[in-house]
PDB file of N, CA and C in Angstrom:
ATOM      1  N   MET A   1     -37.538 -65.490 -25.235  1.00  0.00           N
ATOM      2  CA  MET A   1     -38.435 -64.669 -24.707  1.00  0.00           C
ATOM      3  C   MET A   1     -39.445 -65.873 -23.592  1.00  0.00           C
ATOM      4  N   LYS A   2     -40.857 -65.732 -24.752  1.00  0.00           N
ATOM      5  CA  LYS A   2     -41.593 -66.805 -24.211  1.00  0.00           C
ATOM      6  C   LYS A   2     -41.200 -68.424 -23.563  1.00  0.00           C
ATOM      7  N   GLU A   3     -40.430 -68.775 -24.157  1.00  0.00           N
ATOM      8  CA  GLU A   3     -40.405 -70.379 -23.036  1.00  0.00           C
ATOM      9  C   GLU A   3     -38.828 -69.923 -22.239  1.00  0.00           C
ATOM     10  N   ALA A   4     -38.425 -68.411 -21.742  1.00  0.00           N
ATOM     11  CA  ALA A   4     -37.857 -68.452 -20.477  1.00  0.00           C
ATOM     12  C   ALA A   4     -38.972 -67.848 -19.458  1.00  0.00           C
ATOM     13  N   PHE A   5     -40.241 -67.389 -20.146  1.00  0.00           N
ATOM     14  CA  PHE A   5     -40.872 -67.715 -18.608  1.00  0.00           C
ATOM     15  C   PHE A   5     -42.078 -68.161 -18.948  1.00  0.00           C
ATOM     16  N   ARG A   6     -42.551 -69.246 -19.904  1.00  0.00           N
ATOM     17  CA  ARG A   6     -42.500 -70.463 -19.748  1.00  0.00           C
ATOM     18  C   ARG A   6     -42.362 -71.322 -18.192  1.00  0.00           C
ATOM     19  N   ARG A   7     -40.720 -71.664 -18.588  1.00  0.00           N
ATOM     20  CA  ARG A   7     -39.703 -72.083 -17.616  1.00  0.00           C
ATOM     21  C   ARG A   7     -40.081 -71.645 -16.235  1.00  0.00           C
ATOM     22  N   LEU A   8     -40.583 -70.636 -15.990  1.00  0.00           N
ATOM     23  CA  LEU A   8     -40.523 -69.118 -15.228  1.00  0.00           C
ATOM     24  C   LEU A   8     -41.469 -69.893 -14.198  1.00  0.00           C
ATOM     25  N   TRP A   9     -42.834 -69.874 -15.428  1.00  0.00           N
ATOM     26  CA  TRP A   9     -43.742 -69.743 -14.295  1.00  0.00           C
ATOM     27  C   TRP A   9     -44.202 -71.745 -14.037  1.00  0.00           C
ATOM     28  N   ALA A  10     -43.342 -72.442 -15.089  1.00  0.00           N
ATOM     29  CA  ALA A  10     -43.841 -73.935 -14.509  1.00  0.00           C
ATOM     30  C   ALA A  10     -42.889 -74.193 -13.037  1.00  0.00           C
ATOM     31  N   ASN A  11     -41.908 -73.654 -12.824  1.00  0.00           N
ATOM     32  CA  ASN A  11     -41.314 -73.926 -11.308  1.00  0.00           C
ATOM     33  C   ASN A  11     -42.222 -73.068 -10.441  1.00  0.00           C
ATOM     34  N   LYS A  12     -42.567 -73.948  -8.868  1.00  0.00           N
ATOM     35  CA  LYS A  12     -43.748 -73.258  -8.658  1.00  0.00           C
ATOM     36  C   LYS A  12     -43.740 -72.210  -7.053  1.00  0.00           C
ATOM     37  N   THR A  13     -42.122 -72.242  -7.082  1.00  0.00           N
ATOM     38  CA  THR A  13     -40.858 -71.530  -6.070  1.00  0.00           C
ATOM     39  C   THR A  13     -41.021 -69.541  -6.481  1.00  0.00           C
ATOM     40  N   ALA A  14     -40.499 -69.915  -7.761  1.00  0.00           N
ATOM     41  CA  ALA A  14     -41.113 -68.680  -8.975  1.00  0.00           C
ATOM     42  C   ALA A  14     -41.802 -68.152  -9.532  1.00  0.00           C
ATOM     43  N   LYS A  15     -43.327 -69.082  -9.166  1.00  0.00           N
ATOM     44  CA  LYS A  15     -44.548 -68.628  -9.474  1.00  0.00           C
ATOM     45  C   LYS A  15     -45.217 -67.551  -8.131  1.00  0.00           C
ATOM     46  N   ILE A  16     -44.644 -68.573  -6.848  1.00  0.00           N
ATOM     47  CA  ILE A  16     -45.055 -67.827  -6.514  1.00  0.00           C
ATOM     48  C   ILE A  16     -44.615 -66.415  -5.038  1.00  0.00           C
ATOM     49  N   LEU A  17     -43.012 -66.378  -6.113  1.00  0.00           N
ATOM     50  CA  LEU A  17     -42.236 -64.664  -5.742  1.00  0.00           C
ATOM     51  C   LEU A  17     -42.997 -64.177  -7.034  1.00  0.00           C
ATOM     52  N   LEU A  18     -43.404 -63.888  -8.069  1.00  0.00           N
ATOM     53  CA  LEU A  18     -43.729 -63.569  -9.250  1.00  0.00           C
ATOM     54  C   LEU A  18     -44.475 -62.402  -8.707  1.00  0.00           C
ATOM     55  N   VAL A  19     -45.946 -62.878  -7.988  1.00  0.00           N
ATOM     56  CA  VAL A  19     -46.621 -63.347  -7.639  1.00  0.00           C
ATOM     57  C   VAL A  19     -46.854 -61.998  -6.660  1.00  0.00           C
ATOM     58  N   ALA A  20     -46.065 -62.807  -5.665  1.00  0.00           N
ATOM     59  CA  ALA A  20     -45.651 -62.307  -4.877  1.00  0.00           C
ATOM     60  C   ALA A  20     -45.540 -60.505  -4.867  1.00  0.00           C
ATOM     61  N   GLY A  21     -44.346 -60.585  -5.183  1.00  0.00           N
ATOM     62  CA  GLY A  21     -43.707 -58.984  -6.270  1.00  0.00           C
ATOM     63  C   GLY A  21     -44.502 -57.916  -6.648  1.00  0.00           C
ATOM     64  N   ALA A  22     -45.048 -59.440  -7.313  1.00  0.00           N
ATOM     65  CA  ALA A  22     -46.698 -58.635  -7.853  1.00  0.00           C
ATOM     66  C   ALA A  22     -47.254 -57.202  -6.599  1.00  0.00           C
ATOM     67  N   ALA A  23     -47.774 -57.786  -6.435  1.00  0.00           N
ATOM     68  CA  ALA A  23     -48.671 -58.197  -5.294  1.00  0.00           C
ATOM     69  C   ALA A  23     -48.336 -56.527  -4.105  1.00  0.00           C
ATOM     70  N   LEU A  24     -46.667 -57.066  -4.342  1.00  0.00           N
ATOM     71  CA  LEU A  24     -46.264 -55.122  -3.763  1.00  0.00           C
ATOM     72  C   LEU A  24     -45.790 -54.875  -4.404  1.00  0.00           C
ATOM     73  N   VAL A  25     -45.804 -54.094  -5.619  1.00  0.00           N
ATOM     74  CA  VAL A  25     -45.618 -53.278  -6.426  1.00  0.00           C
ATOM     75  C   VAL A  25     -47.415 -53.235  -6.278  1.00  0.00           C
ATOM     76  N   LEU A  26     -48.021 -53.278  -6.436  1.00  0.00           N
ATOM     77  CA  LEU A  26     -49.704 -53.090  -5.956  1.00  0.00           C
ATOM     78  C   LEU A  26     -49.695 -52.092  -5.195  1.00  0.00           C
ATOM     79  N   LEU A  27     -48.902 -52.854  -3.967  1.00  0.00           N
ATOM     80  CA  LEU A  27     -48.803 -52.126  -2.594  1.00  0.00           C
ATOM     81  C   LEU A  27     -48.694 -51.582  -2.890  1.00  0.00           C
ATOM     82  N   LEU A  28     -47.840 -50.804  -3.439  1.00  0.00           N
ATOM     83  CA  LEU A  28     -46.326 -49.670  -2.932  1.00  0.00           C
ATOM     84  C   LEU A  28     -47.517 -48.455  -4.278  1.00  0.00           C
ATOM     85  N   VAL A  29     -47.406 -49.017  -5.123  1.00  0.00           N
ATOM     86  CA  VAL A  29     -48.230 -47.888  -6.439  1.00  0.00           C
ATOM     87  C   VAL A  29     -49.656 -46.479  -5.930  1.00  0.00           C
ATOM     88  N   SER A  30     -50.094 -47.838  -5.123  1.00  0.00           N
ATOM     89  CA  SER A  30     -51.649 -47.537  -4.699  1.00  0.00           C
ATOM     90  C   SER A  30     -51.624 -46.573  -3.219  1.00  0.00           C
ATOM     91  N   TRP A  31     -50.247 -46.475  -2.559  1.00  0.00           N
ATOM     92  CA  TRP A  31     -49.541 -45.751  -1.481  1.00  0.00           C
ATOM     93  C   TRP A  31     -49.273 -45.008  -2.365  1.00  0.00           C
ATOM     94  N   LEU A  32     -48.415 -45.147  -2.906  1.00  0.00           N
ATOM     95  CA  LEU A  32     -48.038 -43.583  -3.792  1.00  0.00           C
ATOM     96  C   LEU A  32     -49.311 -43.229  -4.016  1.00  0.00           C
ATOM     97  N   VAL A  33     -50.261 -43.080  -4.810  1.00  0.00           N
ATOM     98  CA  VAL A  33     -51.227 -42.440  -5.341  1.00  0.00           C
ATOM     99  C   VAL A  33     -52.602 -42.298  -4.204  1.00  0.00           C
ATOM    100  N   PHE A  34     -52.772 -42.935  -3.164  1.00  0.00           N
ATOM    101  CA  PHE A  34     -53.822 -43.316  -2.632  1.00  0.00           C
ATOM    102  C   PHE A  34     -53.425 -42.541  -1.204  1.00  0.00           C
ATOM    103  N   GLY A  35     -52.691 -42.597  -0.717  1.00  0.00           N
ATOM    104  CA  GLY A  35     -51.938 -43.067   1.000  1.00  0.00           C
ATOM    105  C   GLY A  35     -51.633 -41.677   1.226  1.00  0.00           C
ATOM    106  N   ARG A  36     -50.629 -40.764   0.496  1.00  0.00           N
ATOM    107  CA  ARG A  36     -50.195 -40.154   1.303  1.00  0.00           C
ATOM    108  C   ARG A  36     -51.461 -38.363   1.293  1.00  0.00           C
ATOM    109  N   GLU A  37     -51.242 -37.950   2.854  1.00  0.00           N
ATOM    110  CA  GLU A  37     -52.384 -37.218   2.733  1.00  0.00           C
ATOM    111  C   GLU A  37     -51.334 -36.191   2.784  1.00  0.00           C
ATOM    112  N   GLU A  38     -51.165 -34.209   1.803  1.00  0.00           N
ATOM    113  CA  GLU A  38     -50.964 -33.175   2.286  1.00  0.00           C
ATOM    114  C   GLU A  38     -50.863 -32.651   2.814  1.00  0.00           C
ATOM    115  N   THR A  39     -49.774 -32.178   3.899  1.00  0.00           N
ATOM    116  CA  THR A  39     -50.158 -31.285   5.213  1.00  0.00           C
ATOM    117  C   THR A  39     -48.828 -29.412   4.562  1.00  0.00           C
ATOM    118  N   ARG A  40     -49.717 -28.944   4.921  1.00  0.00           N
ATOM    119  CA  ARG A  40     -49.001 -27.644   4.789  1.00  0.00           C
ATOM    120  C   ARG A  40     -49.015 -27.005   5.970  1.00  0.00           C
ATOM    121  N   ALA A  41     -47.854 -26.623   6.231  1.00  0.00           N
ATOM    122  CA  ALA A  41     -47.672 -25.671   7.433  1.00  0.00           C
ATOM    123  C   ALA A  41     -48.174 -23.911   6.578  1.00  0.00           C
ATOM    124  N   THR A  42     -49.313 -24.375   8.028  1.00  0.00           N
ATOM    125  CA  THR A  42     -49.741 -22.517   7.789  1.00  0.00           C
ATOM    126  C   THR A  42     -48.676 -21.659   8.691  1.00  0.00           C
ATOM    127  N   SER A  43     -48.318 -20.802   9.059  1.00  0.00           N
ATOM    128  CA  SER A  43     -47.918 -19.710   9.456  1.00  0.00           C
ATOM    129  C   SER A  43     -49.681 -18.615  10.062  1.00  0.00           C
ATOM    130  N   GLY A  44     -49.371 -18.876  11.687  1.00  0.00           N
ATOM    131  CA  GLY A  44     -50.471 -18.063  11.687  1.00  0.00           C
ATOM    132  C   GLY A  44     -52.116 -19.110  12.193  1.00  0.00           C
ATOM    133  N   PHE A  45     -52.879 -18.267  12.581  1.00  0.00           N
ATOM    134  CA  PHE A  45     -54.129 -19.292  12.726  1.00  0.00           C
ATOM    135  C   PHE A  45     -55.593 -18.043  11.525  1.00  0.00           C
ATOM    136  N   VAL A  46     -56.014 -18.686  11.515  1.00  0.00           N
ATOM    137  CA  VAL A  46     -57.225 -18.311  10.706  1.00  0.00           C
ATOM    138  C   VAL A  46     -58.477 -18.609  10.815  1.00  0.00           C
ATOM    139  N   GLN A  47     -58.804 -17.136  11.510  1.00  0.00           N
ATOM    140  CA  GLN A  47     -60.269 -17.643  12.699  1.00  0.00           C
ATOM    141  C   GLN A  47     -61.522 -17.850  11.668  1.00  0.00           C
ATOM    142  N   THR A  48     -61.843 -18.569  11.935  1.00  0.00           N
ATOM    143  CA  THR A  48     -63.576 -19.123  11.237  1.00  0.00           C
ATOM    144  C   THR A  48     -64.567 -18.165  11.041  1.00  0.00           C
ATOM    145  N   GLU A  49     -65.503 -18.324   9.987  1.00  0.00           N
ATOM    146  CA  GLU A  49     -66.098 -18.639   9.778  1.00  0.00           C
ATOM    147  C   GLU A  49     -67.323 -18.480  11.601  1.00  0.00           C
ATOM    148  N   GLN A  50     -66.633 -20.061  11.440  1.00  0.00           N
ATOM    149  CA  GLN A  50     -68.227 -20.046  12.704  1.00  0.00           C
ATOM    150  C   GLN A  50     -67.965 -19.934  13.781  1.00  0.00           C
ATOM    151  N   GLU A  51     -66.280 -19.704  13.649  1.00  0.00           N
ATOM    152  CA  GLU A  51     -65.576 -18.746  15.465  1.00  0.00           C
ATOM    153  C   GLU A  51     -65.551 -17.849  15.764  1.00  0.00           C
ATOM    154  N   GLU A  52     -65.477 -16.395  14.267  1.00  0.00           N
ATOM    155  CA  GLU A  52     -66.072 -15.748  13.703  1.00  0.00           C
ATOM    156  C   GLU A  52     -67.024 -14.861  14.233  1.00  0.00           C
ATOM    157  N   ARG A  53     -68.544 -16.176  14.198  1.00  0.00           N
ATOM    158  CA  ARG A  53     -70.169 -15.575  14.046  1.00  0.00           C
ATOM    159  C   ARG A  53     -70.608 -15.704  15.937  1.00  0.00           C
ATOM    160  N   LEU A  54     -69.771 -16.629  16.087  1.00  0.00           N
ATOM    161  CA  LEU A  54     -69.776 -16.455  17.376  1.00  0.00           C
ATOM    162  C   LEU A  54     -69.279 -16.172  18.879  1.00  0.00           C
ATOM    163  N   ALA A  55     -68.157 -15.626  18.331  1.00  0.00           N
ATOM    164  CA  ALA A  55     -67.404 -14.744  19.133  1.00  0.00           C
ATOM    165  C   ALA A  55     -68.470 -13.930  18.572  1.00  0.00           C
ATOM    166  N   ALA A  56     -68.916 -12.668  18.102  1.00  0.00           N
ATOM    167  CA  ALA A  56     -70.354 -11.969  17.743  1.00  0.00           C
ATOM    168  C   ALA A  56     -71.166 -11.632  19.115  1.00  0.00           C
ATOM    169  N   ILE A  57     -71.378 -13.036  18.511  1.00  0.00           N
ATOM    170  CA  ILE A  57     -72.869 -13.264  19.244  1.00  0.00           C
ATOM    171  C   ILE A  57     -72.317 -12.957  21.323  1.00  0.00           C
ATOM    172  N   LEU A  58     -70.804 -13.865  21.794  1.00  0.00           N
ATOM    173  CA  LEU A  58     -71.055 -13.545  23.332  1.00  0.00           C
ATOM    174  C   LEU A  58     -70.517 -12.132  23.635  1.00  0.00           C
ATOM    175  N   SER A  59     -70.015 -11.676  22.353  1.00  0.00           N
ATOM    176  CA  SER A  59     -69.369 -10.337  22.606  1.00  0.00           C
ATOM    177  C   SER A  59     -70.668  -9.765  23.186  1.00  0.00           C
ATOM    178  N   GLU A  60     -71.206  -9.686  23.093  1.00  0.00           N
ATOM    179  CA  GLU A  60     -73.044  -9.451  23.135  1.00  0.00           C
ATOM    180  C   GLU A  60     -73.594  -9.191  24.737  1.00  0.00           C
ATOM    181  N   VAL A  61     -72.753 -10.889  25.103  1.00  0.00           N
ATOM    182  CA  VAL A  61     -73.018 -11.026  26.683  1.00  0.00           C
ATOM    183  C   VAL A  61     -72.645 -10.300  27.032  1.00  0.00           C
ATOM    184  N   GLU A  62     -73.523  -9.004  28.629  1.00  0.00           N
ATOM    185  CA  GLU A  62     -72.866  -8.269  29.263  1.00  0.00           C
ATOM    186  C   GLU A  62     -71.674  -8.507  30.574  1.00  0.00           C
ATOM    187  N   ASP A  63     -70.780  -7.630  30.031  1.00  0.00           N
ATOM    188  CA  ASP A  63     -68.989  -7.594  31.184  1.00  0.00           C
ATOM    189  C   ASP A  63     -68.901  -8.631  30.095  1.00  0.00           C
ATOM    190  N   ALA A  64     -68.865  -9.137  28.705  1.00  0.00           N
ATOM    191  CA  ALA A  64     -67.897  -9.843  28.413  1.00  0.00           C
ATOM    192  C   ALA A  64     -67.465  -9.704  27.407  1.00  0.00           C
ATOM    193  N   GLY A  65     -67.200  -7.943  27.346  1.00  0.00           N
ATOM    194  CA  GLY A  65     -65.880  -7.654  26.950  1.00  0.00           C
ATOM    195  C   GLY A  65     -66.228  -7.927  24.746  1.00  0.00           C
ATOM    196  N   ASN A  66     -64.179  -7.898  24.913  1.00  0.00           N
ATOM    197  CA  ASN A  66     -64.139  -8.844  23.488  1.00  0.00           C
ATOM    198  C   ASN A  66     -64.274 -10.258  23.429  1.00  0.00           C
ATOM    199  N   VAL A  67     -64.357 -10.813  22.859  1.00  0.00           N
ATOM    200  CA  VAL A  67     -64.556 -11.923  23.165  1.00  0.00           C
ATOM    201  C   VAL A  67     -63.211 -12.811  21.700  1.00  0.00           C
ATOM    202  N   SER A  68     -62.995 -14.098  22.003  1.00  0.00           N
ATOM    203  CA  SER A  68     -62.253 -14.699  21.141  1.00  0.00           C
ATOM    204  C   SER A  68     -62.483 -16.215  21.694  1.00  0.00           C
ATOM    205  N   VAL A  69     -62.597 -16.591  20.024  1.00  0.00           N
ATOM    206  CA  VAL A  69     -63.626 -18.255  19.843  1.00  0.00           C
ATOM    207  C   VAL A  69     -62.165 -19.389  19.276  1.00  0.00           C
ATOM    208  N   MET A  70     -62.119 -19.978  19.946  1.00  0.00           N
ATOM    209  CA  MET A  70     -61.481 -21.649  19.133  1.00  0.00           C
ATOM    210  C   MET A  70     -62.494 -22.743  18.957  1.00  0.00           C
ATOM    211  N   ILE A  71     -62.331 -23.295  17.988  1.00  0.00           N
ATOM    212  CA  ILE A  71     -63.605 -24.324  18.230  1.00  0.00           C
ATOM    213  C   ILE A  71     -62.346 -25.289  17.196  1.00  0.00           C
ATOM    214  N   THR A  72     -63.042 -26.437  18.237  1.00  0.00           N
ATOM    215  CA  THR A  72     -61.600 -27.757  17.601  1.00  0.00           C
ATOM    216  C   THR A  72     -62.567 -29.014  17.218  1.00  0.00           C
ATOM    217  N   GLN A  73     -62.324 -29.330  15.908  1.00  0.00           N
ATOM    218  CA  GLN A  73     -62.664 -30.455  15.327  1.00  0.00           C
ATOM    219  C   GLN A  73     -62.306 -31.826  15.555  1.00  0.00           C
ATOM    220  N   GLU A  74     -63.185 -32.949  14.872  1.00  0.00           N
ATOM    221  CA  GLU A  74     -62.834 -34.150  14.256  1.00  0.00           C
ATOM    222  C   GLU A  74     -64.323 -34.366  12.991  1.00  0.00           C
ATOM    223  N   GLY A  75     -63.643 -34.506  12.527  1.00  0.00           N
ATOM    224  CA  GLY A  75     -64.249 -35.267  11.180  1.00  0.00           C
ATOM    225  C   GLY A  75     -65.283 -33.150  10.568  1.00  0.00           C
ATOM    226  N   GLY A  76     -65.340 -33.218  10.976  1.00  0.00           N
ATOM    227  CA  GLY A  76     -66.137 -31.651  10.294  1.00  0.00           C
ATOM    228  C   GLY A  76     -67.130 -31.151  11.678  1.00  0.00           C
ATOM    229  N   VAL A  77     -67.077 -31.584  12.538  1.00  0.00           N
ATOM    230  CA  VAL A  77     -68.286 -31.862  13.746  1.00  0.00           C
ATOM    231  C   VAL A  77     -67.444 -31.318  14.181  1.00  0.00           C
ATOM    232  N   PRO A  78     -68.261 -29.785  15.571  1.00  0.00           N
ATOM    233  CA  PRO A  78     -67.007 -29.663  16.633  1.00  0.00           C
ATOM    234  C   PRO A  78     -67.288 -30.008  17.727  1.00  0.00           C
ATOM    235  N   VAL A  79     -65.671 -30.924  18.693  1.00  0.00           N
ATOM    236  CA  VAL A  79     -66.509 -31.346  20.555  1.00  0.00           C
ATOM    237  C   VAL A  79     -65.797 -30.506  21.029  1.00  0.00           C
ATOM    238  N   SER A  80     -65.279 -29.021  20.772  1.00  0.00           N
ATOM    239  CA  SER A  80     -64.469 -28.149  21.164  1.00  0.00           C
ATOM    240  C   SER A  80     -64.410 -27.527  21.374  1.00  0.00           C
ATOM    241  N   ALA A  81     -64.313 -26.750  23.016  1.00  0.00           N
ATOM    242  CA  ALA A  81     -63.951 -24.771  22.386  1.00  0.00           C
ATOM    243  C   ALA A  81     -63.465 -24.541  23.354  1.00  0.00           C
ATOM    244  N   ILE A  82     -63.041 -23.326  23.474  1.00  0.00           N
ATOM    245  CA  ILE A  82     -62.272 -22.617  24.779  1.00  0.00           C
ATOM    246  C   ILE A  82     -62.509 -20.336  23.730  1.00  0.00           C
ATOM    247  N   VAL A  83     -63.389 -20.425  24.909  1.00  0.00           N
ATOM    248  CA  VAL A  83     -63.523 -18.902  24.648  1.00  0.00           C
ATOM    249  C   VAL A  83     -62.509 -18.359  25.864  1.00  0.00           C
ATOM    250  N   MET A  84     -62.275 -16.929  25.442  1.00  0.00           N
ATOM    251  CA  MET A  84     -61.144 -15.899  26.149  1.00  0.00           C
ATOM    252  C   MET A  84     -61.809 -14.616  25.937  1.00  0.00           C
ATOM    253  N   PHE A  85     -61.868 -13.268  27.130  1.00  0.00           N
ATOM    254  CA  PHE A  85     -62.685 -12.378  27.631  1.00  0.00           C
ATOM    255  C   PHE A  85     -62.195 -11.838  28.041  1.00  0.00           C
ATOM    256  N   ASP A  86     -62.037 -10.029  28.104  1.00  0.00           N
ATOM    257  CA  ASP A  86     -61.390  -9.519  28.235  1.00  0.00           C
ATOM    258  C   ASP A  86     -62.458  -9.250  29.367  1.00  0.00           C
ATOM    259  N   GLY A  87     -63.275  -9.073  29.531  1.00  0.00           N
ATOM    260  CA  GLY A  87     -64.161  -8.599  30.604  1.00  0.00           C
ATOM    261  C   GLY A  87     -63.994  -8.262  32.083  1.00  0.00           C
ATOM    262  N   PRO A  88     -64.652  -8.188  33.133  1.00  0.00           N
ATOM    263  CA  PRO A  88     -63.702  -8.510  33.592  1.00  0.00           C
ATOM    264  C   PRO A  88     -64.638  -9.447  34.926  1.00  0.00           C
ATOM    265  N   ASP A  89     -64.072 -10.776  34.826  1.00  0.00           N
ATOM    266  CA  ASP A  89     -64.267 -11.841  35.381  1.00  0.00           C
ATOM    267  C   ASP A  89     -65.181 -11.545  36.596  1.00  0.00           C
ATOM    268  N   GLY A  90     -66.133 -12.882  36.205  1.00  0.00           N
ATOM    269  CA  GLY A  90     -67.350 -13.631  37.225  1.00  0.00           C
ATOM    270  C   GLY A  90     -67.789 -14.705  36.536  1.00  0.00           C
ATOM    271  N   ILE A  91     -68.218 -15.452  37.869  1.00  0.00           N
ATOM    272  CA  ILE A  91     -68.592 -16.717  37.780  1.00  0.00           C
ATOM    273  C   ILE A  91     -70.204 -16.244  37.350  1.00  0.00           C
ATOM    274  N   LEU A  92     -70.278 -15.002  36.978  1.00  0.00           N
ATOM    275  CA  LEU A  92     -72.205 -15.104  35.842  1.00  0.00           C
ATOM    276  C   LEU A  92     -71.355 -14.936  34.368  1.00  0.00           C
ATOM    277  N   VAL A  93     -70.714 -13.987  34.137  1.00  0.00           N
ATOM    278  CA  VAL A  93     -70.194 -13.770  33.124  1.00  0.00           C
ATOM    279  C   VAL A  93     -69.425 -15.149  32.061  1.00  0.00           C
ATOM    280  N   ARG A  94     -69.148 -16.118  33.335  1.00  0.00           N
ATOM    281  CA  ARG A  94     -68.346 -17.618  32.789  1.00  0.00           C
ATOM    282  C   ARG A  94     -69.850 -18.336  32.454  1.00  0.00           C
ATOM    283  N   LEU A  95     -70.661 -18.392  33.919  1.00  0.00           N
ATOM    284  CA  LEU A  95     -71.454 -19.294  33.023  1.00  0.00           C
ATOM    285  C   LEU A  95     -72.261 -18.834  31.710  1.00  0.00           C
ATOM    286  N   ARG A  96     -72.756 -17.079  31.534  1.00  0.00           N
ATOM    287  CA  ARG A  96     -73.448 -17.200  30.364  1.00  0.00           C
ATOM    288  C   ARG A  96     -72.273 -17.923  28.734  1.00  0.00           C
ATOM    289  N   LEU A  97     -71.526 -17.967  29.092  1.00  0.00           N
ATOM    290  CA  LEU A  97     -70.911 -17.758  28.055  1.00  0.00           C
ATOM    291  C   LEU A  97     -70.368 -19.288  27.550  1.00  0.00           C
ATOM    292  N   THR A  98     -70.623 -20.078  29.167  1.00  0.00           N
ATOM    293  CA  THR A  98     -70.152 -21.985  28.958  1.00  0.00           C
ATOM    294  C   THR A  98     -71.798 -21.624  28.144  1.00  0.00           C
ATOM    295  N   GLN A  99     -72.909 -21.762  28.697  1.00  0.00           N
ATOM    296  CA  GLN A  99     -73.599 -22.792  28.284  1.00  0.00           C
ATOM    297  C   GLN A  99     -74.130 -21.687  26.246  1.00  0.00           C
ATOM    298  N   ILE A 100     -73.048 -20.834  26.447  1.00  0.00           N
ATOM    299  CA  ILE A 100     -74.302 -19.928  25.431  1.00  0.00           C
ATOM    300  C   ILE A 100     -73.148 -20.905  24.100  1.00  0.00           C
ATOM    301  N   THR A 101     -72.759 -21.269  24.739  1.00  0.00           N
ATOM    302  CA  THR A 101     -71.412 -21.619  23.543  1.00  0.00           C
ATOM    303  C   THR A 101     -72.210 -22.655  23.482  1.00  0.00           C
ATOM    304  N   ALA A 102     -72.278 -23.878  24.203  1.00  0.00           N
ATOM    305  CA  ALA A 102     -71.959 -25.227  24.773  1.00  0.00           C
ATOM    306  C   ALA A 102     -73.400 -24.743  23.350  1.00  0.00           C
ATOM    307  N   ARG A 103     -74.499 -24.358  23.639  1.00  0.00           N
ATOM    308  CA  ARG A 103     -76.011 -25.248  22.746  1.00  0.00           C
ATOM    309  C   ARG A 103     -75.178 -24.163  21.400  1.00  0.00           C
ATOM    310  N   ALA A 104     -75.042 -22.923  21.172  1.00  0.00           N
ATOM    311  CA  ALA A 104     -74.991 -23.044  19.697  1.00  0.00           C
ATOM    312  C   ALA A 104     -74.076 -24.619  18.403  1.00  0.00           C
ATOM    313  N   LEU A 105     -72.839 -25.276  19.999  1.00  0.00           N
ATOM    314  CA  LEU A 105     -72.238 -25.537  18.791  1.00  0.00           C
ATOM    315  C   LEU A 105     -72.384 -27.731  18.908  1.00  0.00           C
ATOM    316  N   ASP A 106     -73.779 -27.338  20.249  1.00  0.00           N
ATOM    317  CA  ASP A 106     -74.538 -28.448  20.589  1.00  0.00           C
ATOM    318  C   ASP A 106     -73.396 -29.408  21.079  1.00  0.00           C
ATOM    319  N   ILE A 107     -72.411 -28.886  21.503  1.00  0.00           N
ATOM    320  CA  ILE A 107     -71.786 -29.456  22.839  1.00  0.00           C
ATOM    321  C   ILE A 107     -72.111 -30.095  24.091  1.00  0.00           C
ATOM    322  N   ALA A 108     -71.276 -30.639  24.865  1.00  0.00           N
ATOM    323  CA  ALA A 108     -71.582 -30.281  26.726  1.00  0.00           C
ATOM    324  C   ALA A 108     -70.870 -29.465  27.134  1.00  0.00           C
ATOM    325  N   GLU A 109     -71.371 -28.646  28.159  1.00  0.00           N
ATOM    326  CA  GLU A 109     -70.935 -27.989  28.834  1.00  0.00           C
ATOM    327  C   GLU A 109     -69.463 -28.195  29.168  1.00  0.00           C
ATOM    328  N   ASN A 110     -68.933 -29.295  29.713  1.00  0.00           N
ATOM    329  CA  ASN A 110     -67.481 -29.746  30.485  1.00  0.00           C
ATOM    330  C   ASN A 110     -66.231 -29.351  28.503  1.00  0.00           C
ATOM    331  N   ARG A 111     -67.355 -29.266  27.952  1.00  0.00           N
ATOM    332  CA  ARG A 111     -65.909 -29.742  27.042  1.00  0.00           C
ATOM    333  C   ARG A 111     -65.763 -27.820  25.870  1.00  0.00           C
ATOM    334  N   VAL A 112     -66.412 -26.848  27.309  1.00  0.00           N
ATOM    335  CA  VAL A 112     -66.048 -25.114  26.613  1.00  0.00           C
ATOM    336  C   VAL A 112     -65.390 -24.736  27.538  1.00  0.00           C
ATOM    337  N   LEU A 113     -64.175 -24.143  27.778  1.00  0.00           N
ATOM    338  CA  LEU A 113     -62.995 -23.616  28.469  1.00  0.00           C
ATOM    339  C   LEU A 113     -63.610 -22.033  28.447  1.00  0.00           C
ATOM    340  N   VAL A 114     -63.908 -21.014  29.660  1.00  0.00           N
ATOM    341  CA  VAL A 114     -63.888 -19.737  29.360  1.00  0.00           C
ATOM    342  C   VAL A 114     -62.902 -19.140  30.585  1.00  0.00           C
ATOM    343  N   CYS A 115     -62.045 -18.849  29.698  1.00  0.00           N
ATOM    344  CA  CYS A 115     -61.609 -18.096  30.598  1.00  0.00           C
ATOM    345  C   CYS A 115     -61.116 -16.116  30.231  1.00  0.00           C
ATOM    346  N   PRO A 116     -60.983 -15.332  31.018  1.00  0.00           N
ATOM    347  CA  PRO A 116     -59.963 -14.295  30.971  1.00  0.00           C
ATOM    348  C   PRO A 116     -58.966 -13.790  29.853  1.00  0.00           C
ATOM    349  N   SER A 117     -58.557 -13.329  29.413  1.00  0.00           N
ATOM    350  CA  SER A 117     -57.881 -12.607  28.931  1.00  0.00           C
ATOM    351  C   SER A 117     -56.503 -12.151  29.467  1.00  0.00           C
ATOM    352  N   ASP A 118     -55.855 -12.101  29.308  1.00  0.00           N
ATOM    353  CA  ASP A 118     -54.841 -11.534  29.624  1.00  0.00           C
ATOM    354  C   ASP A 118     -54.672 -10.003  29.841  1.00  0.00           C
ATOM    355  N   THR A 119     -55.038  -9.236  28.455  1.00  0.00           N
ATOM    356  CA  THR A 119     -55.347  -8.340  28.387  1.00  0.00           C
ATOM    357  C   THR A 119     -56.674  -7.525  28.538  1.00  0.00           C
ATOM    358  N   ARG A 120     -57.249  -8.173  29.846  1.00  0.00           N
ATOM    359  CA  ARG A 120     -58.296  -7.797  30.426  1.00  0.00           C
ATOM    360  C   ARG A 120     -58.580  -6.713  30.677  1.00  0.00           C
ATOM    361  N   LYS A 121     -59.037  -5.514  31.021  1.00  0.00           N
ATOM    362  CA  LYS A 121     -59.752  -3.945  31.287  1.00  0.00           C
ATOM    363  C   LYS A 121     -59.165  -4.393  33.441  1.00  0.00           C
TER     364      LYS A 121
END
């Protein structure tokens, strides 16, 4: 066995193929161990504590009614938000909801979408 390995190692092409094969095996193993991300399909939408707290604050705005909030994040940092309210639609209500949401999340106002819900009064 040692003799066969020495003859194989003496051949330059075989040496290159062995090193390349070993590198490929290492890459494959590292990809299998570290490269895969588990993705779980979740049924339904779970509101985060931050969204619930913001919705509670926004519900206190005059004429807002019940409010629902969805916050999108990148790397754990809020980047945009959608606010749905079921009170009467008005520019002042939308403006207040937009400003409060933007300030609370430390995002630009143009990253906040405020819409009346279909179930409003």
